[in-house]
């Protein structure tokens, strides 16, 4: 029972203005178990790995060598997170 929460607080400048946001997603352990017979932590590990593999196989992410996630276009990854069971939300903070 319970939920897992994964997120990051990012702070910086966007379009010349200070901005602070929290990008996060929450997954329910019981829902994960009903779908894949595993808990939420395994689900939130496996789905992003699958999405990364899909983006490479589809040729959306390409290149030779080893890459950090920050070097790749995040938009297709984040779009697939929403459609593959890990929808994310953004919370804006006042600065």
N, C-alpha and C. Protein backbone atom coordinates (compact mmCIF):
# COMPACT_ATOMS: atom_id res chain seq x y z
N UNK A 1 0.83 -1.18 0.00
CA UNK A 1 0.00 0.00 0.00
C UNK A 1 0.88 1.24 0.00
N UNK A 2 0.32 2.32 -0.46
CA UNK A 2 1.05 3.58 -0.47
C UNK A 2 1.41 4.01 -1.88
N UNK A 3 2.18 5.06 -1.94
CA UNK A 3 2.56 5.64 -3.22
C UNK A 3 4.03 6.00 -3.22
N UNK A 4 4.59 6.06 -4.41
CA UNK A 4 5.96 6.55 -4.58
C UNK A 4 5.90 7.87 -5.32
N UNK A 5 6.78 8.78 -4.95
CA UNK A 5 6.82 10.11 -5.55
C UNK A 5 8.24 10.36 -6.03
N UNK A 6 8.38 10.70 -7.29
CA UNK A 6 9.68 11.04 -7.85
C UNK A 6 9.57 12.43 -8.44
N UNK A 7 10.53 13.28 -8.11
CA UNK A 7 10.47 14.63 -8.65
C UNK A 7 11.77 15.38 -8.48
N UNK A 8 11.80 16.56 -9.05
CA UNK A 8 12.96 17.43 -8.94
C UNK A 8 12.50 18.87 -8.85
N UNK A 9 13.18 19.64 -8.01
CA UNK A 9 12.96 21.08 -7.95
C UNK A 9 14.04 21.71 -8.82
N UNK A 10 13.61 22.51 -9.77
CA UNK A 10 14.54 23.20 -10.67
C UNK A 10 14.35 24.70 -10.51
N UNK A 11 15.47 25.41 -10.41
CA UNK A 11 15.41 26.85 -10.23
C UNK A 11 16.41 27.49 -11.18
N UNK A 12 15.98 28.55 -11.85
CA UNK A 12 16.87 29.24 -12.77
C UNK A 12 16.16 30.36 -13.48
N UNK A 13 16.71 30.73 -14.64
CA UNK A 13 16.13 31.78 -15.46
C UNK A 13 15.48 31.18 -16.69
N UNK A 14 14.30 31.67 -17.03
CA UNK A 14 13.63 31.31 -18.27
C UNK A 14 13.08 32.59 -18.87
N UNK A 15 13.48 32.86 -20.10
CA UNK A 15 13.07 34.09 -20.77
C UNK A 15 13.42 35.32 -19.93
N UNK A 16 14.57 35.27 -19.26
CA UNK A 16 15.05 36.40 -18.48
C UNK A 16 14.40 36.57 -17.12
N UNK A 17 13.52 35.66 -16.74
CA UNK A 17 12.82 35.77 -15.45
C UNK A 17 13.18 34.59 -14.56
N UNK A 18 13.31 34.87 -13.25
CA UNK A 18 13.57 33.79 -12.30
C UNK A 18 12.36 32.87 -12.24
N UNK A 19 12.65 31.58 -12.15
CA UNK A 19 11.57 30.60 -12.10
C UNK A 19 12.01 29.42 -11.23
N UNK A 20 11.07 28.91 -10.45
CA UNK A 20 11.33 27.73 -9.63
C UNK A 20 10.13 26.80 -9.78
N UNK A 21 10.40 25.55 -10.20
CA UNK A 21 9.32 24.59 -10.42
C UNK A 21 9.66 23.25 -9.78
N UNK A 22 8.62 22.48 -9.56
CA UNK A 22 8.75 21.11 -9.09
C UNK A 22 8.08 20.24 -10.14
N UNK A 23 8.87 19.41 -10.83
CA UNK A 23 8.34 18.46 -11.81
C UNK A 23 8.30 17.10 -11.10
N UNK A 24 7.13 16.47 -11.11
CA UNK A 24 7.00 15.25 -10.32
C UNK A 24 5.95 14.30 -10.90
N UNK A 25 6.00 13.07 -10.41
CA UNK A 25 4.97 12.09 -10.72
C UNK A 25 4.79 11.19 -9.51
N UNK A 26 3.58 10.72 -9.34
CA UNK A 26 3.22 9.86 -8.22
C UNK A 26 2.64 8.56 -8.78
N UNK A 27 3.08 7.44 -8.23
CA UNK A 27 2.57 6.14 -8.69
C UNK A 27 2.11 5.34 -7.48
N UNK A 28 0.94 4.76 -7.58
CA UNK A 28 0.33 3.97 -6.51
C UNK A 28 0.84 2.53 -6.58
N UNK A 29 1.35 2.02 -5.46
CA UNK A 29 1.91 0.66 -5.43
C UNK A 29 0.87 -0.40 -5.79
N UNK A 30 -0.34 -0.27 -5.29
CA UNK A 30 -1.38 -1.27 -5.56
C UNK A 30 -1.77 -1.28 -7.04
N UNK A 31 -1.83 -0.11 -7.66
CA UNK A 31 -2.13 -0.05 -9.10
C UNK A 31 -1.03 -0.72 -9.91
N UNK A 32 0.22 -0.49 -9.51
CA UNK A 32 1.35 -1.12 -10.20
C UNK A 32 1.27 -2.64 -10.06
N UNK A 33 0.98 -3.10 -8.86
CA UNK A 33 0.90 -4.54 -8.65
C UNK A 33 -0.22 -5.16 -9.49
N UNK A 34 -1.33 -4.48 -9.59
CA UNK A 34 -2.45 -4.99 -10.40
C UNK A 34 -2.06 -5.06 -11.88
N UNK A 35 -1.24 -4.12 -12.32
CA UNK A 35 -0.86 -4.08 -13.74
C UNK A 35 0.29 -5.02 -14.08
N UNK A 36 1.36 -5.01 -13.26
CA UNK A 36 2.56 -5.76 -13.62
C UNK A 36 3.08 -6.69 -12.51
N UNK A 37 2.28 -6.86 -11.44
CA UNK A 37 2.66 -7.70 -10.31
C UNK A 37 3.98 -7.28 -9.67
N UNK A 38 4.18 -5.98 -9.55
CA UNK A 38 5.35 -5.43 -8.90
C UNK A 38 4.97 -4.11 -8.23
N UNK A 39 5.83 -3.61 -7.37
CA UNK A 39 5.52 -2.37 -6.68
C UNK A 39 5.96 -1.14 -7.50
N UNK A 40 5.60 0.02 -7.01
CA UNK A 40 5.80 1.26 -7.74
C UNK A 40 7.24 1.62 -8.04
N UNK A 41 8.17 1.27 -7.15
CA UNK A 41 9.57 1.62 -7.39
C UNK A 41 10.10 0.88 -8.61
N UNK A 42 9.78 -0.40 -8.74
CA UNK A 42 10.19 -1.16 -9.92
C UNK A 42 9.55 -0.60 -11.18
N UNK A 43 8.29 -0.23 -11.08
CA UNK A 43 7.56 0.35 -12.21
C UNK A 43 8.22 1.64 -12.67
N UNK A 44 8.55 2.51 -11.70
CA UNK A 44 9.14 3.80 -12.05
C UNK A 44 10.60 3.69 -12.47
N UNK A 45 11.19 2.52 -12.30
CA UNK A 45 12.53 2.25 -12.84
C UNK A 45 12.43 1.67 -14.24
N UNK A 46 11.54 0.71 -14.42
CA UNK A 46 11.44 0.00 -15.69
C UNK A 46 10.83 0.79 -16.83
N UNK A 47 9.80 1.56 -16.56
CA UNK A 47 9.12 2.30 -17.63
C UNK A 47 10.06 3.33 -18.28
N UNK A 48 10.79 4.15 -17.52
CA UNK A 48 11.71 5.09 -18.18
C UNK A 48 12.80 4.38 -18.98
N UNK A 49 13.29 3.24 -18.49
CA UNK A 49 14.28 2.48 -19.26
C UNK A 49 13.69 1.99 -20.58
N UNK A 50 12.45 1.52 -20.54
CA UNK A 50 11.77 1.08 -21.76
C UNK A 50 11.60 2.24 -22.73
N UNK A 51 11.23 3.41 -22.21
CA UNK A 51 11.04 4.58 -23.07
C UNK A 51 12.36 4.96 -23.73
N UNK A 52 13.45 4.95 -22.97
CA UNK A 52 14.76 5.25 -23.55
C UNK A 52 15.12 4.28 -24.66
N UNK A 53 14.90 2.99 -24.43
CA UNK A 53 15.18 1.99 -25.46
C UNK A 53 14.31 2.22 -26.69
N UNK A 54 13.05 2.54 -26.49
CA UNK A 54 12.14 2.80 -27.62
C UNK A 54 12.61 4.00 -28.44
N UNK A 55 13.04 5.05 -27.77
CA UNK A 55 13.49 6.24 -28.49
C UNK A 55 14.75 5.96 -29.31
N UNK A 56 15.62 5.10 -28.79
CA UNK A 56 16.82 4.70 -29.54
C UNK A 56 16.42 3.82 -30.73
N UNK A 57 15.57 2.82 -30.49
CA UNK A 57 15.15 1.91 -31.57
C UNK A 57 14.38 2.63 -32.66
N UNK A 58 13.60 3.63 -32.29
CA UNK A 58 12.84 4.41 -33.27
C UNK A 58 13.68 5.47 -33.98
N UNK A 59 14.95 5.61 -33.57
CA UNK A 59 15.84 6.58 -34.21
C UNK A 59 15.63 8.02 -33.76
N UNK A 60 14.82 8.22 -32.73
CA UNK A 60 14.58 9.57 -32.23
C UNK A 60 15.80 10.04 -31.44
N UNK A 61 16.37 9.16 -30.65
CA UNK A 61 17.65 9.41 -30.00
C UNK A 61 18.69 8.59 -30.76
N UNK A 62 19.76 9.23 -31.19
CA UNK A 62 20.78 8.49 -31.94
C UNK A 62 22.16 9.09 -31.67
N UNK A 63 23.15 8.41 -32.15
CA UNK A 63 24.53 8.85 -32.01
C UNK A 63 25.40 7.71 -31.53
N UNK A 64 26.70 7.91 -31.64
CA UNK A 64 27.65 6.89 -31.20
C UNK A 64 28.18 7.25 -29.83
N UNK A 65 28.44 6.24 -29.03
CA UNK A 65 29.03 6.47 -27.72
C UNK A 65 28.01 6.48 -26.61
N UNK A 66 28.44 7.00 -25.49
CA UNK A 66 27.62 7.05 -24.28
C UNK A 66 27.13 8.48 -24.08
N UNK A 67 25.87 8.61 -23.72
CA UNK A 67 25.27 9.93 -23.52
C UNK A 67 24.67 10.03 -22.13
N UNK A 68 24.73 11.21 -21.56
CA UNK A 68 23.95 11.52 -20.36
C UNK A 68 22.56 11.93 -20.82
N UNK A 69 21.57 11.70 -19.99
CA UNK A 69 20.19 12.09 -20.34
C UNK A 69 20.10 13.56 -20.72
N UNK A 70 20.89 14.40 -20.06
CA UNK A 70 20.84 15.84 -20.31
C UNK A 70 21.28 16.21 -21.72
N UNK A 71 21.97 15.32 -22.41
CA UNK A 71 22.44 15.58 -23.77
C UNK A 71 21.38 15.26 -24.82
N UNK A 72 20.30 14.61 -24.43
CA UNK A 72 19.28 14.16 -25.37
C UNK A 72 18.04 15.04 -25.28
N UNK A 73 17.28 15.10 -26.36
CA UNK A 73 16.05 15.89 -26.39
C UNK A 73 15.05 15.31 -25.39
N UNK A 74 14.66 16.08 -24.36
CA UNK A 74 13.77 15.53 -23.34
C UNK A 74 12.30 15.46 -23.77
N UNK A 75 11.91 16.24 -24.77
CA UNK A 75 10.49 16.34 -25.12
C UNK A 75 9.85 15.00 -25.50
N UNK A 76 10.45 14.20 -26.40
CA UNK A 76 9.81 12.92 -26.72
C UNK A 76 9.76 11.98 -25.52
N UNK A 77 10.78 12.05 -24.67
CA UNK A 77 10.79 11.22 -23.46
C UNK A 77 9.64 11.60 -22.53
N UNK A 78 9.50 12.89 -22.28
CA UNK A 78 8.45 13.36 -21.37
C UNK A 78 7.05 13.09 -21.94
N UNK A 79 6.90 13.20 -23.26
CA UNK A 79 5.61 12.89 -23.89
C UNK A 79 5.25 11.42 -23.67
N UNK A 80 6.24 10.54 -23.84
CA UNK A 80 5.98 9.11 -23.65
C UNK A 80 5.74 8.76 -22.19
N UNK A 81 6.35 9.49 -21.28
CA UNK A 81 6.07 9.25 -19.86
C UNK A 81 4.57 9.40 -19.61
N UNK A 82 3.96 10.41 -20.22
CA UNK A 82 2.53 10.65 -20.04
C UNK A 82 1.66 9.53 -20.62
N UNK A 83 2.10 8.90 -21.69
CA UNK A 83 1.28 7.88 -22.34
C UNK A 83 1.61 6.46 -21.89
N UNK A 84 2.71 6.30 -21.16
CA UNK A 84 3.14 4.96 -20.75
C UNK A 84 2.98 4.69 -19.26
N UNK A 85 2.08 5.41 -18.62
CA UNK A 85 1.74 5.10 -17.24
C UNK A 85 2.41 5.94 -16.17
N UNK A 86 3.25 6.89 -16.57
CA UNK A 86 3.91 7.75 -15.58
C UNK A 86 3.66 9.23 -15.89
N UNK A 87 2.42 9.66 -15.85
CA UNK A 87 2.14 11.07 -16.13
C UNK A 87 2.78 11.97 -15.08
N UNK A 88 3.27 13.10 -15.53
CA UNK A 88 3.96 14.03 -14.64
C UNK A 88 3.21 15.35 -14.58
N UNK A 89 3.50 16.09 -13.54
CA UNK A 89 2.87 17.40 -13.32
C UNK A 89 3.96 18.41 -12.98
N UNK A 90 3.62 19.68 -13.13
CA UNK A 90 4.54 20.76 -12.78
C UNK A 90 3.86 21.67 -11.77
N UNK A 91 4.57 21.93 -10.68
CA UNK A 91 4.09 22.87 -9.67
C UNK A 91 5.02 24.10 -9.72
N UNK A 92 4.43 25.26 -9.86
CA UNK A 92 5.20 26.51 -9.95
C UNK A 92 5.28 27.15 -8.56
N UNK A 93 6.47 27.61 -8.20
CA UNK A 93 6.67 28.33 -6.93
C UNK A 93 6.85 29.81 -7.21
N UNK A 94 6.40 30.63 -6.30
CA UNK A 94 6.67 32.07 -6.41
C UNK A 94 8.07 32.33 -5.89
N UNK A 95 8.78 33.20 -6.58
CA UNK A 95 10.14 33.56 -6.14
C UNK A 95 10.14 35.02 -5.73
